[in-house]
Protein backbone atom coordinates (compact mmCIF):
# COMPACT_ATOMS: atom_id res chain seq x y z
CA UNK A 1 -17.77 -15.64 31.77
CA UNK A 2 -15.28 -15.16 28.92
CA UNK A 3 -11.87 -16.98 29.21
CA UNK A 4 -10.04 -13.58 28.69
CA UNK A 5 -11.87 -11.93 31.65
CA UNK A 6 -9.90 -14.35 33.84
CA UNK A 7 -6.49 -12.90 32.79
CA UNK A 8 -5.18 -10.91 35.92
CA UNK A 9 -1.41 -10.89 35.08
CA UNK A 10 1.06 -11.06 32.28
CA UNK A 11 2.00 -14.68 32.97
CA UNK A 12 -1.55 -15.73 31.93
CA UNK A 13 -0.77 -14.45 28.45
CA UNK A 14 0.41 -17.12 26.00
CA UNK A 15 3.00 -16.31 23.32
CA UNK A 16 3.09 -17.69 19.94
CA UNK A 17 6.51 -17.43 18.10
CA UNK A 18 6.56 -17.81 14.38
CA UNK A 19 9.07 -17.50 11.59
CA UNK A 20 8.62 -16.68 7.96
CA UNK A 21 10.65 -15.39 4.89
CA UNK A 22 8.34 -12.42 4.03
CA UNK A 23 5.81 -11.08 6.55
CA UNK A 24 2.88 -8.86 5.11
CA UNK A 25 0.93 -6.95 7.43
CA UNK A 26 -2.51 -6.34 5.95
CA UNK A 27 -4.27 -8.64 3.73
CA UNK A 28 -6.27 -6.06 1.50
CA UNK A 29 -5.81 -5.20 -2.07
CA UNK A 30 -1.92 -4.30 -2.05
CA UNK A 31 -1.00 -6.90 0.57
CA UNK A 32 -2.58 -9.89 -1.46
CA UNK A 33 -1.11 -8.79 -4.49
CA UNK A 34 2.21 -8.59 -2.90
CA UNK A 35 1.80 -12.03 -1.31
CA UNK A 36 0.94 -13.59 -4.68
CA UNK A 37 3.74 -11.77 -6.55
CA UNK A 38 6.20 -13.10 -3.78
CA UNK A 39 5.20 -16.59 -4.40
CA UNK A 40 5.60 -16.33 -8.21
CA UNK A 41 8.81 -14.59 -7.77
CA UNK A 42 10.41 -17.50 -5.49
CA UNK A 43 7.92 -20.55 -4.82
CA UNK A 44 10.21 -21.78 -2.13
CA UNK A 45 9.70 -18.43 -0.30
CA UNK A 46 7.54 -18.62 2.83
CA UNK A 47 4.99 -15.69 2.67
CA UNK A 48 2.92 -15.04 5.67
CA UNK A 49 -0.13 -12.56 5.82
CA UNK A 50 -1.19 -10.94 9.13
CA UNK A 51 -4.72 -9.52 8.93
CA UNK A 52 -6.85 -7.61 11.51
CA UNK A 53 -10.08 -8.89 10.17
CA UNK A 54 -10.56 -11.70 7.58
CA UNK A 55 -9.14 -11.87 4.33
CA UNK A 56 -12.10 -12.65 2.59
CA UNK A 57 -13.70 -9.37 3.21
CA UNK A 58 -11.01 -7.05 4.70
CA UNK A 59 -9.70 -3.78 3.61
CA UNK A 60 -11.10 -0.99 1.27
CA UNK A 61 -12.45 -3.45 -1.13
CA UNK A 62 -14.53 -5.56 1.53
CA UNK A 63 -17.79 -4.30 0.00
CA UNK A 64 -16.47 -4.15 -3.59
CA UNK A 65 -16.12 -1.41 -6.24
CA UNK A 66 -17.97 -0.15 -9.18
CA UNK A 67 -14.87 1.19 -11.18
CA UNK A 68 -11.21 1.04 -11.50
CA UNK A 69 -10.16 4.59 -11.55
CA UNK A 70 -6.40 4.18 -13.07
CA UNK A 71 -6.00 2.10 -16.00
CA UNK A 72 -3.91 2.87 -19.06
CA UNK A 73 -6.26 2.55 -21.93
CA UNK A 74 -5.11 2.03 -25.50
CA UNK A 75 -3.04 4.81 -26.75
CA UNK A 76 -2.31 6.37 -23.23
CA UNK A 77 1.30 6.62 -22.25
CA UNK A 78 3.02 6.41 -18.88
CA UNK A 79 4.10 10.24 -19.28
CA UNK A 80 0.61 11.38 -19.80
CA UNK A 81 -0.63 9.55 -16.65
CA UNK A 82 2.16 11.30 -14.73
CA UNK A 83 1.24 14.68 -16.23
CA UNK A 84 -2.59 13.94 -15.12
CA UNK A 85 -1.54 12.74 -11.69
CA UNK A 86 0.70 15.71 -11.05
CA UNK A 87 -1.93 18.37 -12.15
CA UNK A 88 -4.32 16.56 -9.95
CA UNK A 89 -2.28 16.88 -6.89
CA UNK A 90 -1.49 20.45 -7.35
CA UNK A 91 2.11 19.72 -8.85
CA UNK A 92 3.41 17.67 -5.99
CA UNK A 93 4.02 14.10 -6.59
CA UNK A 94 7.06 11.65 -6.71
CA UNK A 95 7.35 11.14 -10.44
CA UNK A 96 9.89 8.19 -10.14
CA UNK A 97 7.25 6.37 -8.06
CA UNK A 98 4.45 7.28 -10.28
CA UNK A 99 6.34 6.14 -13.57
CA UNK A 100 7.29 2.74 -11.84
CA UNK A 101 3.72 2.24 -10.85
CA UNK A 102 2.18 3.23 -13.99
CA UNK A 103 4.22 0.78 -16.01
CA UNK A 104 2.67 -1.94 -13.96
CA UNK A 105 -0.68 -0.48 -13.62
CA UNK A 106 -2.67 -2.66 -16.07
CA UNK A 107 -1.20 -5.94 -15.04
CA UNK A 108 -3.13 -6.70 -11.82
CA UNK A 109 -6.55 -5.45 -13.26
CA UNK A 110 -6.20 -7.76 -16.16
CA UNK A 111 -5.25 -10.53 -14.00
CA UNK A 112 -8.34 -10.03 -11.82
CA UNK A 113 -10.46 -10.40 -14.86
CA UNK A 114 -8.65 -13.64 -15.57
CA UNK A 115 -9.43 -14.79 -12.15
CA UNK A 116 -13.31 -14.16 -12.46
CA UNK A 117 -14.01 -10.40 -11.69
CA UNK A 118 -16.43 -8.97 -14.26
CA UNK A 119 -15.16 -5.94 -16.29
CA UNK A 120 -17.65 -4.14 -18.58
CA UNK A 121 -16.75 -3.69 -22.19
CA UNK A 122 -17.68 -1.11 -24.78
CA UNK A 123 -20.37 -2.14 -27.32
CA UNK A 124 -17.61 -3.22 -29.94
CA UNK A 125 -16.41 -5.51 -27.37
CA UNK A 126 -12.83 -4.63 -27.84
CA UNK A 127 -12.06 -2.24 -25.18
CA UNK A 128 -12.99 -1.84 -21.39
CA UNK A 129 -16.02 0.58 -21.04
CA UNK A 130 -14.73 3.78 -20.05
CA UNK A 131 -16.10 6.02 -17.31
CA UNK A 132 -13.70 8.85 -17.52
CA UNK A 133 -10.23 9.61 -19.05
CA UNK A 134 -8.53 6.85 -16.84
CA UNK A 135 -11.49 5.04 -15.19
CA UNK A 136 -13.12 1.72 -16.46
CA UNK A 137 -16.27 0.16 -15.21
CA UNK A 138 -16.46 -3.12 -13.30
CA UNK A 139 -18.90 -5.25 -11.50
CA UNK A 140 -16.84 -5.70 -8.48
CA UNK A 141 -18.89 -6.87 -5.58
CA UNK A 142 -17.00 -10.17 -5.16
CA UNK A 143 -13.41 -8.75 -6.10
CA UNK A 144 -12.01 -9.33 -2.58
CA UNK A 145 -13.17 -12.94 -2.29
CA UNK A 146 -11.55 -13.46 -5.62
CA UNK A 147 -8.49 -12.04 -4.64
CA UNK A 148 -8.39 -13.85 -1.34
CA UNK A 149 -9.03 -17.17 -3.13
CA UNK A 150 -5.92 -16.64 -5.49
CA UNK A 151 -3.77 -15.66 -2.20
CA UNK A 152 -4.65 -19.10 -0.55
CA UNK A 153 -4.20 -20.71 -4.03
CA UNK A 154 -0.63 -19.35 -4.13
CA UNK A 155 0.26 -21.07 -0.94
CA UNK A 156 0.66 -18.18 1.43
CA UNK A 157 0.04 -18.69 5.25
CA UNK A 158 -2.91 -16.47 6.33
CA UNK A 159 -3.27 -15.31 10.00
CA UNK A 160 -6.70 -13.84 10.27
CA UNK A 161 -7.86 -11.72 13.33
CA UNK A 162 -4.43 -10.73 14.42
CA UNK A 163 -3.80 -6.98 15.31
CA UNK A 164 -0.44 -5.63 14.45
CA UNK A 165 1.02 -3.66 17.34
CA UNK A 166 4.62 -2.88 16.60
CA UNK A 167 7.73 -3.92 14.56
CA UNK A 168 10.36 -6.10 15.91
CA UNK A 169 13.54 -3.98 15.51
CA UNK A 170 17.20 -5.18 15.17
CA UNK A 171 18.68 -1.74 15.68
CA UNK A 172 17.08 0.10 12.82
CA UNK A 173 16.25 -3.08 10.81
CA UNK A 174 12.78 -4.29 10.72
CA UNK A 175 12.74 -7.98 11.62
CA UNK A 176 9.20 -8.94 11.82
CA UNK A 177 6.28 -7.61 13.98
CA UNK A 178 4.23 -8.12 17.09
CA UNK A 179 0.63 -8.60 17.23
CA UNK A 180 -2.25 -10.05 19.47
CA UNK A 181 -5.29 -12.36 18.55
CA UNK A 182 -8.77 -10.89 18.81
CA UNK A 183 -10.07 -14.47 19.08
CA UNK A 184 -7.57 -16.08 21.13
CA UNK A 185 -5.73 -13.46 23.20
CA UNK A 186 -2.29 -14.60 22.53
CA UNK A 187 0.69 -12.34 21.87
CA UNK A 188 2.23 -13.18 18.42
CA UNK A 189 5.94 -12.60 17.76
CA UNK A 190 6.39 -13.22 14.10
CA UNK A 191 10.16 -13.02 12.95
CA UNK A 192 10.72 -12.28 9.19
CA UNK A 193 13.61 -11.85 6.84
CA UNK A 194 11.65 -8.85 4.91
CA UNK A 195 8.45 -7.28 6.13
CA UNK A 196 5.89 -5.48 3.82
CA UNK A 197 3.43 -3.09 5.46
CA UNK A 198 -0.03 -2.72 3.70
CA UNK A 199 -2.46 -1.75 6.34
CA UNK A 200 -4.35 1.06 4.35
CA UNK A 201 -4.57 4.57 5.55
CA UNK A 202 -6.32 6.37 8.56
CA UNK A 203 -9.81 6.98 9.16
CA UNK A 204 -11.47 8.13 12.27
CA UNK A 205 -8.81 10.83 13.13
CA UNK A 206 -11.65 13.56 12.54
CA UNK A 207 -15.37 13.55 13.51
CA UNK A 208 -17.69 12.79 10.70
CA UNK A 209 -20.16 15.46 10.09
CA UNK A 210 -23.16 13.34 10.92
CA UNK A 211 -21.77 11.72 13.91
CA UNK A 212 -24.27 11.60 16.64
CA UNK A 213 -22.19 9.20 18.83
CA UNK A 214 -24.20 6.40 18.26
CA UNK A 215 -25.60 4.86 15.12
CA UNK A 216 -23.65 7.13 12.67
CA UNK A 217 -20.47 6.68 14.87
CA UNK A 218 -18.55 5.06 11.96
CA UNK A 219 -20.63 6.54 9.04
CA UNK A 220 -17.35 7.31 7.07
CA UNK A 221 -16.34 7.31 3.41
CA UNK A 222 -13.25 5.35 3.97
CA UNK A 223 -12.93 1.87 5.48
CA UNK A 224 -13.53 2.69 9.18
CA UNK A 225 -11.18 -0.19 10.44
CA UNK A 226 -8.27 1.12 8.68
CA UNK A 227 -7.20 3.43 11.40
CA UNK A 228 -3.45 4.24 10.59
CA UNK A 229 -1.82 1.35 12.35
CA UNK A 230 0.97 0.89 9.62
CA UNK A 231 1.80 4.58 9.68
CA UNK A 232 2.02 4.62 13.59
CA UNK A 233 4.20 1.59 13.76
CA UNK A 234 6.52 3.30 11.28
CA UNK A 235 6.37 6.51 13.20
CA UNK A 236 7.11 4.92 16.65
CA UNK A 237 10.16 3.07 15.03
CA UNK A 238 11.62 6.30 13.47
CA UNK A 239 10.62 5.94 9.82
CA UNK A 240 10.45 8.98 7.49
CA UNK A 241 7.10 10.06 6.57
CA UNK A 242 5.89 12.31 3.88
CA UNK A 243 2.97 14.93 2.95
CA UNK A 244 0.54 13.99 5.78
CA UNK A 245 -0.61 17.49 5.13
CA UNK A 246 -2.12 16.71 1.90
CA UNK A 247 -5.37 15.25 3.39
CA UNK A 248 -8.15 13.40 1.44
CA UNK A 249 -11.28 15.39 1.94
CA UNK A 250 -14.01 14.31 -0.69
CA UNK A 251 -17.42 15.56 -1.94
CA UNK A 252 -19.88 12.68 -0.87
CA UNK A 253 -23.58 11.90 -0.82
CA UNK A 254 -24.84 13.96 2.16
CA UNK A 255 -26.32 11.74 5.07
CA UNK A 256 -24.72 8.67 3.62
CA UNK A 257 -21.15 9.36 2.57
CA UNK A 258 -21.44 7.58 -0.77
CA UNK A 259 -18.97 8.31 -3.52
CA UNK A 260 -20.42 10.86 -6.24
CA UNK A 261 -17.83 9.85 -8.93
CA UNK A 262 -20.37 7.10 -9.80
CA UNK A 263 -23.06 9.63 -10.67
CA UNK A 264 -21.16 12.65 -11.72
CA UNK A 265 -18.39 10.90 -13.94
CA UNK A 266 -20.40 7.84 -15.01
CA UNK A 267 -23.60 9.83 -15.94
CA UNK A 268 -22.26 13.40 -16.56
CA UNK A 269 -24.55 14.90 -13.77
CA UNK A 270 -23.11 18.45 -12.77
CA UNK A 271 -22.68 19.86 -9.26
CA UNK A 272 -25.21 22.58 -8.71
CA UNK A 273 -25.99 24.94 -5.56
CA UNK A 274 -29.29 25.92 -4.18
CA UNK A 275 -29.91 28.29 -7.13
CA UNK A 276 -29.36 25.76 -9.63
CA UNK A 277 -26.00 27.09 -10.78
CA UNK A 278 -23.60 24.70 -12.30
CA UNK A 279 -20.77 25.30 -9.75
CA UNK A 280 -17.70 24.06 -11.41
CA UNK A 281 -18.72 25.36 -15.01
CA UNK A 282 -19.78 28.75 -13.85
CA UNK A 283 -17.55 29.48 -10.84
CA UNK A 284 -14.55 27.55 -11.44
CA UNK A 285 -13.83 27.57 -15.26
CA UNK A 286 -10.52 29.17 -14.62
CA UNK A 287 -9.39 26.07 -12.71
CA UNK A 288 -10.68 23.56 -15.47
CA UNK A 289 -14.27 23.39 -14.49
CA UNK A 290 -15.54 19.84 -14.35
CA UNK A 291 -12.06 18.68 -15.01
CA UNK A 292 -10.57 20.77 -12.04
CA UNK A 293 -8.30 19.19 -9.71
CA UNK A 294 -9.71 16.75 -7.10
CA UNK A 295 -9.25 19.02 -4.10
CA UNK A 296 -11.01 21.87 -5.96
CA UNK A 297 -13.97 19.55 -6.56
CA UNK A 298 -13.90 18.36 -2.77
CA UNK A 299 -13.71 22.02 -1.73
CA UNK A 300 -16.54 23.39 -3.99
CA UNK A 301 -19.81 22.40 -2.01
CA UNK A 302 -18.10 23.61 1.34
CA UNK A 303 -17.29 26.90 -0.02
CA UNK A 304 -20.78 27.17 -1.57
CA UNK A 305 -22.17 26.54 1.82
CA UNK A 306 -20.03 28.84 3.71
CA UNK A 307 -20.79 31.59 1.17
CA UNK A 308 -24.57 31.15 1.72
CA UNK A 309 -25.30 29.48 -1.82
CA UNK A 310 -25.83 26.07 -0.16
CA UNK A 311 -27.19 23.39 -0.02
CA UNK A 312 -25.44 21.84 -3.04
CA UNK A 313 -26.58 18.49 -5.21
CA UNK A 314 -25.44 16.44 -8.24
CA UNK A 315 -28.24 17.13 -10.79
CA UNK A 316 -29.81 13.77 -11.40
CA UNK A 317 -33.09 15.34 -12.76
CA UNK A 318 -31.93 14.88 -16.39
CA UNK A 319 -31.13 11.25 -16.25
CA UNK A 320 -33.22 8.68 -17.88
CA UNK A 321 -35.10 5.88 -16.18
CA UNK A 322 -32.49 3.37 -17.71
CA UNK A 323 -29.61 5.33 -16.30
CA UNK A 324 -31.30 5.40 -13.00
CA UNK A 325 -31.37 1.69 -13.07
CA UNK A 326 -27.79 1.45 -14.22
CA UNK A 327 -26.58 3.99 -11.55
CA UNK A 328 -28.25 1.78 -8.62
CA UNK A 329 -26.38 -1.37 -10.00
CA UNK A 330 -23.23 0.39 -9.99
CA UNK A 331 -23.86 1.26 -6.29
CA UNK A 332 -24.93 -2.34 -5.55
CA UNK A 333 -21.10 -2.95 -6.57
CA UNK A 334 -19.56 -0.52 -4.11
CA UNK A 335 -21.98 1.02 -1.76
CA UNK A 336 -25.23 -1.32 -1.70
CA UNK A 337 -26.68 0.10 1.47
CA UNK A 338 -27.04 3.65 -0.43
CA UNK A 339 -29.51 2.00 -2.60
CA UNK A 340 -31.53 1.05 0.47
CA UNK A 341 -31.03 4.44 1.84
CA UNK A 342 -32.70 6.11 -1.29
CA UNK A 343 -35.47 3.56 -1.14
CA UNK A 344 -36.17 4.16 2.44
CA UNK A 345 -36.60 7.91 1.77
CA UNK A 346 -38.83 7.18 -1.37
CA UNK A 347 -36.48 9.51 -3.25
CA UNK A 348 -37.00 9.90 -6.98
CA UNK A 349 -33.77 11.24 -8.05
CA UNK A 350 -35.30 12.30 -11.54
CA UNK A 351 -37.41 14.53 -9.57
CA UNK A 352 -35.03 15.34 -6.46
CA UNK A 353 -31.40 15.72 -7.02
CA UNK A 354 -28.92 14.02 -4.69
CA UNK A 355 -27.53 16.35 -1.90
CA UNK A 356 -23.78 16.56 -1.34
CA UNK A 357 -21.39 17.58 1.27
CA UNK A 358 -17.79 17.15 2.42
CA UNK A 359 -16.44 14.21 4.23
CA UNK A 360 -14.23 14.14 7.40
CA UNK A 361 -10.56 14.18 6.27
CA UNK A 362 -8.56 11.03 5.98
CA UNK A 363 -4.71 10.27 5.60
CA UNK A 364 -4.64 7.81 2.66
CA UNK A 365 -1.88 7.57 0.39
CA UNK A 366 -3.50 5.73 -2.54
CA UNK A 367 -5.68 9.18 -3.25
CA UNK A 368 -2.97 11.58 -2.11
CA UNK A 369 0.85 11.45 -1.26
CA UNK A 370 0.56 10.80 2.26
CA UNK A 371 2.93 7.82 3.90
CA UNK A 372 6.19 6.38 4.30
CA UNK A 373 8.95 7.86 2.09
CA UNK A 374 9.95 5.17 -0.09
CA UNK A 375 12.48 4.44 -2.76
CA UNK A 376 11.58 3.11 -6.19
CA UNK A 377 11.62 -0.45 -4.96
CA UNK A 378 9.15 0.67 -2.11
CA UNK A 379 11.62 0.33 0.43
CA UNK A 380 11.12 2.63 3.46
CA UNK A 381 14.04 4.46 5.48
CA UNK A 382 13.98 1.31 7.87
CA UNK A 383 16.05 -1.57 6.35
CA UNK A 384 13.98 -4.51 5.70
CA UNK A 385 10.64 -2.88 5.60
CA UNK A 386 8.71 -2.30 2.46
CA UNK A 387 5.62 -0.31 2.00
CA UNK A 388 2.69 -0.52 -0.47
CA UNK A 389 -0.83 0.79 -1.29
CA UNK A 390 -2.44 3.48 1.05
CA UNK A 391 0.56 3.52 3.37
CA UNK A 392 3.25 4.24 0.88
CA UNK A 393 3.68 7.95 0.29
CA UNK A 394 4.58 10.03 -2.61
CA UNK A 395 2.25 8.55 -5.45
CA UNK A 396 -1.28 10.12 -5.37
CA UNK A 397 -4.10 8.93 -7.73
CA UNK A 398 -3.00 5.19 -7.17
CA UNK A 399 -6.53 3.87 -6.27
CA UNK A 400 -7.28 0.22 -6.72
CA UNK A 401 -4.99 -0.55 -9.62
CA UNK A 402 -2.12 1.48 -8.63
CA UNK A 403 -2.15 0.10 -4.97
CA UNK A 404 -2.22 -3.48 -6.40
CA UNK A 405 0.60 -2.59 -8.81
CA UNK A 406 2.86 -1.22 -5.97
CA UNK A 407 2.13 -4.55 -4.28
CA UNK A 408 4.01 -6.25 -6.97
CA UNK A 409 6.85 -3.85 -6.88
CA UNK A 410 7.31 -4.21 -3.05
CA UNK A 411 7.06 -8.11 -3.22
CA UNK A 412 9.82 -8.31 -5.86
CA UNK A 413 12.15 -6.14 -3.87
CA UNK A 414 11.45 -7.94 -0.50
CA UNK A 415 12.16 -11.48 -2.26
CA UNK A 416 15.56 -10.15 -3.38
CA UNK A 417 16.15 -8.68 0.22
CA UNK A 418 15.36 -11.68 2.23
CA UNK A 419 17.62 -14.01 0.31
CA UNK A 420 20.72 -12.43 2.02
CA UNK A 421 19.17 -12.11 5.48
CA UNK A 422 19.07 -14.70 8.48
CA UNK A 423 16.78 -14.83 11.51
CA UNK A 424 18.32 -13.59 14.71
CA UNK A 425 17.27 -14.16 18.18
CA UNK A 426 14.80 -11.45 19.73
CA UNK A 427 15.66 -10.48 23.28
CA UNK A 428 13.50 -11.66 25.70
CA UNK A 429 13.20 -8.27 27.36
CA UNK A 430 11.87 -6.86 24.04
CA UNK A 431 9.15 -9.38 23.88
CA UNK A 432 8.39 -8.69 27.61
CA UNK A 433 8.19 -4.87 27.13
CA UNK A 434 5.70 -5.28 24.01
CA UNK A 435 3.59 -7.84 25.99
CA UNK A 436 3.25 -5.39 28.86
CA UNK A 437 2.50 -2.49 26.48
CA UNK A 438 -0.06 -4.49 24.45
CA UNK A 439 -1.98 -6.04 27.29
CA UNK A 440 -1.84 -3.03 29.63
CA UNK A 441 -5.41 -1.86 29.12
CA UNK A 442 -6.79 -5.36 29.73
CA UNK A 443 -4.90 -5.93 32.96
CA UNK A 444 -5.85 -2.40 34.27
CA UNK A 445 -9.40 -3.18 33.82
CA UNK A 446 -8.97 -6.46 35.43
CA UNK A 447 -6.87 -5.24 38.37
CA UNK A 448 -8.39 -1.89 38.88
CA UNK A 449 -11.57 -1.57 37.09
CA UNK A 450 -11.41 2.26 36.48
CA UNK A 451 -10.10 4.25 33.62
CA UNK A 452 -10.56 5.72 30.14
CA UNK A 453 -12.66 3.55 27.74
CA UNK A 454 -11.31 3.78 24.19
CA UNK A 455 -14.70 5.24 22.89
CA UNK A 456 -14.29 8.00 25.24
CA UNK A 457 -10.73 8.93 24.00
CA UNK A 458 -11.67 8.47 20.44
CA UNK A 459 -14.57 10.84 20.98
CA UNK A 460 -12.18 13.45 22.40
CA UNK A 461 -9.63 13.09 19.64
CA UNK A 462 -12.25 13.21 16.81
CA UNK A 463 -13.72 16.44 18.31
CA UNK A 464 -10.37 18.22 18.86
CA UNK A 465 -9.20 17.32 15.35
CA UNK A 466 -12.45 18.63 13.80
CA UNK A 467 -12.53 21.88 15.82
CA UNK A 468 -9.09 23.02 15.77
CA UNK A 469 -7.05 21.02 13.04
CA UNK A 470 -9.43 21.65 9.97
CA UNK A 471 -12.32 19.40 10.18
CA UNK A 472 -15.69 19.33 8.03
CA UNK A 473 -17.38 21.37 10.62
CA UNK A 474 -14.69 24.06 10.14
CA UNK A 475 -15.09 23.82 6.43
CA UNK A 476 -11.60 22.31 6.32
CA UNK A 477 -10.05 25.54 7.52
CA UNK A 478 -7.22 25.99 9.97
CA UNK A 479 -4.71 28.39 11.16
CA UNK A 480 -1.61 28.42 13.47
CA UNK A 481 -3.31 29.21 16.78
CA UNK A 482 -5.80 26.34 16.42
CA UNK A 483 -3.34 23.61 15.21
CA UNK A 484 -0.96 24.65 18.10
CA UNK A 485 -4.01 24.27 20.40
CA UNK A 486 -4.68 20.64 18.87
CA UNK A 487 -0.99 19.76 19.18
CA UNK A 488 -0.96 20.72 23.01
CA UNK A 489 -4.18 18.85 23.55
CA UNK A 490 -2.96 15.73 21.73
CA UNK A 491 0.04 15.55 23.94
CA UNK A 492 -2.32 15.38 26.76
CA UNK A 493 -4.31 12.72 25.37
CA UNK A 494 -1.22 10.76 24.75
CA UNK A 495 -0.24 10.98 28.30
CA UNK A 496 -3.78 9.67 29.27
CA UNK A 497 -3.07 6.46 27.46
CA UNK A 498 -1.66 5.11 30.51
CA UNK A 499 -5.24 5.09 31.97
CA UNK A 500 -6.90 3.43 28.91
CA UNK A 501 -8.83 0.09 29.93
CA UNK A 502 -10.42 -2.88 27.88
CA UNK A 503 -12.97 -5.13 29.12
CA UNK A 504 -12.11 -7.77 26.38
CA UNK A 505 -10.04 -8.57 23.41
CA UNK A 506 -12.28 -6.74 21.31
CA UNK A 507 -12.06 -3.65 23.32
CA UNK A 508 -8.28 -4.16 23.61
CA UNK A 509 -8.30 -3.86 19.79
CA UNK A 510 -9.99 -0.58 20.06
CA UNK A 511 -7.61 0.61 22.59
CA UNK A 512 -4.76 0.18 20.31
CA UNK A 513 -6.78 1.48 17.45
CA UNK A 514 -6.94 4.98 19.42
CA UNK A 515 -3.44 4.76 20.40
CA UNK A 516 -2.38 4.48 16.91
CA UNK A 517 -4.75 7.18 15.82
CA UNK A 518 -3.08 9.49 18.47
CA UNK A 519 0.36 8.98 17.00
CA UNK A 520 -0.76 9.55 13.42
CA UNK A 521 -2.85 12.66 14.33
CA UNK A 522 0.27 14.31 16.00
CA UNK A 523 2.46 13.85 13.21
CA UNK A 524 -0.47 15.20 10.81
CA UNK A 525 -0.71 18.46 12.81
CA UNK A 526 3.09 18.98 12.89
CA UNK A 527 2.64 18.68 8.78
CA UNK A 528 -0.15 20.95 8.79
CA UNK A 529 1.79 23.66 11.08
CA UNK A 530 4.97 23.31 9.02
CA UNK A 531 3.47 23.94 5.62
CA UNK A 532 2.80 27.81 5.84
CA UNK A 533 0.75 28.14 2.58
CA UNK A 534 -2.43 27.06 1.00
CA UNK A 535 -1.56 24.63 -1.77
CA UNK A 536 -4.57 22.43 -1.75
CA UNK A 537 -7.72 24.59 -0.85
CA UNK A 538 -10.10 22.00 1.00
CA UNK A 539 -7.56 19.53 1.61
CA UNK A 540 -5.18 21.89 3.36
CA UNK A 541 -6.72 25.53 3.82
CA UNK A 542 -4.56 27.69 5.97
CA UNK A 543 -6.69 30.89 6.70
CA UNK A 544 -3.33 32.61 7.94
CA UNK A 545 -1.50 31.66 4.85
CA UNK A 546 -4.20 31.89 2.05
CA UNK A 547 -1.67 32.01 -1.00
CA UNK A 548 0.74 29.40 -2.44
CA UNK A 549 4.32 29.80 -1.75
CA UNK A 550 6.56 28.14 -4.33
CA UNK A 551 9.80 29.62 -2.85
CA UNK A 552 9.52 27.98 0.64
CA UNK A 553 7.22 24.91 -0.03
CA UNK A 554 7.48 23.68 -3.86
CA UNK A 555 8.70 20.14 -2.57
CA UNK A 556 7.78 17.44 -0.05
CA UNK A 557 7.19 18.16 3.68
CA UNK A 558 8.64 15.22 5.59
CA UNK A 559 8.95 14.19 9.25
CA UNK A 560 10.76 11.85 11.43
CA UNK A 561 9.79 10.85 15.06
CA UNK A 562 12.85 10.81 17.34
CA UNK A 563 12.32 7.61 19.55
CA UNK A 564 14.91 8.89 22.06
CA UNK A 565 13.28 12.43 22.64
CA UNK A 566 9.83 12.06 21.61
CA UNK A 567 9.99 14.92 19.27
CA UNK A 568 9.02 15.05 15.72
CA UNK A 569 11.58 16.47 13.25
CA UNK A 570 10.22 18.36 10.20
CA UNK A 571 12.32 19.10 7.02
CA UNK A 572 11.89 19.49 3.37
CA UNK A 573 12.86 17.12 0.42
CA UNK A 574 13.24 18.82 -2.94
CA UNK A 575 11.00 18.16 -5.98
CA UNK A 576 12.51 16.09 -8.75
CA UNK A 577 10.78 16.60 -12.09
CA UNK A 578 11.41 14.00 -14.62
CA UNK A 579 8.34 14.47 -17.05
CA UNK A 580 8.41 17.80 -19.07
CA UNK A 581 5.65 20.18 -18.91
CA UNK A 582 3.91 22.59 -16.66
CA UNK A 583 3.19 20.61 -13.56
CA UNK A 584 -0.29 22.12 -12.88
CA UNK A 585 -1.49 21.02 -16.46
CA UNK A 586 -2.47 17.56 -17.68
């Protein structure tokens, strides 16, 4: 019998209390760069990373990448980058944050190369090989182990297999975090002078289109283990959040959710419909054609299907044999199983184009503007808490390089902050309350044996969001009635959390993942309801408000959860333009 199956009461649970100067929650791309930079800024500073998985292969980079999507090539300026990013996001970005990020954009990428990550060069050997205006090509299958090794070398303390559950609060100030061990079952109480949240975005809120409840349960584009925990911890603590309604919905290879930029950008293969029409070139020329904003390109195959012109493809029939081999090599550096998928079907992509379809929606601030509302130093509205990477809002089109750059910014600010802070005693009653909340599902299973399993609640959540909050099966479309229905039933699901049960520590992790997803989903639906317009077709298509409304909504939709009343307060923040020019043009 497993040791944790013997736990019958709270007294059986061991508590591990630790102290550190800077606690970084999430040891992915942004978290690792933050840790390295903090040690560079102050070698005497104690830096601790708390990671749900294992640092060597955790986060979005676990399987590698084939390109860096944002890099300032020779001759490019920060202002150009702001204009491009602004146009790609439909005119809504935090220009101050984008500028500060862009100024550091190249530094982590060039360091990665110094540490051993291969970057491809043009034939002259002078410049990195371009894949698009801002993209460069890499061989990144080992980029995460390389980064993990440098994090260890910097002298950081690494706590693997620890699930973050909530912040430790001193009034409104964040003074560390709680967590539990998936391997040892301990409650971890980690006090910190400054805390950096870097847990990534939120997947699994919506049902994937190919989800059969079994093998393709987590057949997602985004990392399925990034479930929005960082967002949820902030929401529950009253942090201000921004732009959740700018969801990330992407065009992906059908049946396998592989990225298509590898093919479309890397090898200039156009999107076509069932009649062979070049969709962007022939139907969306007025929006830029192949250079149309990302939300337009994500929505194209769904609109073609809905209007009876599907299925859709990327036309690979004009590729040379050498290009096909190069393309497969690129996928081996990011989505290696896609190469096996093609081989298993015996598909000759020079004869049969690759079919494409829309993905389920994600909340991911490295691609869109969703996340914590932060200042230029990446400080959140909760003192002592800094955010970087996918959890930090306001700065879309960060991707790998930008998330890493934000890690540098957050680390520098955290080092400065913690110098003026002292540790304080945590109330025993606070620790006891979190212990009871965290281990409740495990104790209910041990003492009662009947209840709701995490997988059952997850299935209900994903169906609810898919059908009523603009999922892929609804072609990303939504209206007030459906969103209100989703909100009512999300509240019912949240009330049923008291019946969640877990058989072991791993299932306890799954229970907290669905709790976190519910908190994120509720805030997301409030955002989708509040923005009564369609600003990003596909990402945010309101059928009852099909037009854009610059009078009411030319700014940021923000939210704050009231921890006393349980209500979500919605409000607007004004847009501040710093870089001249038409905000919809690069």
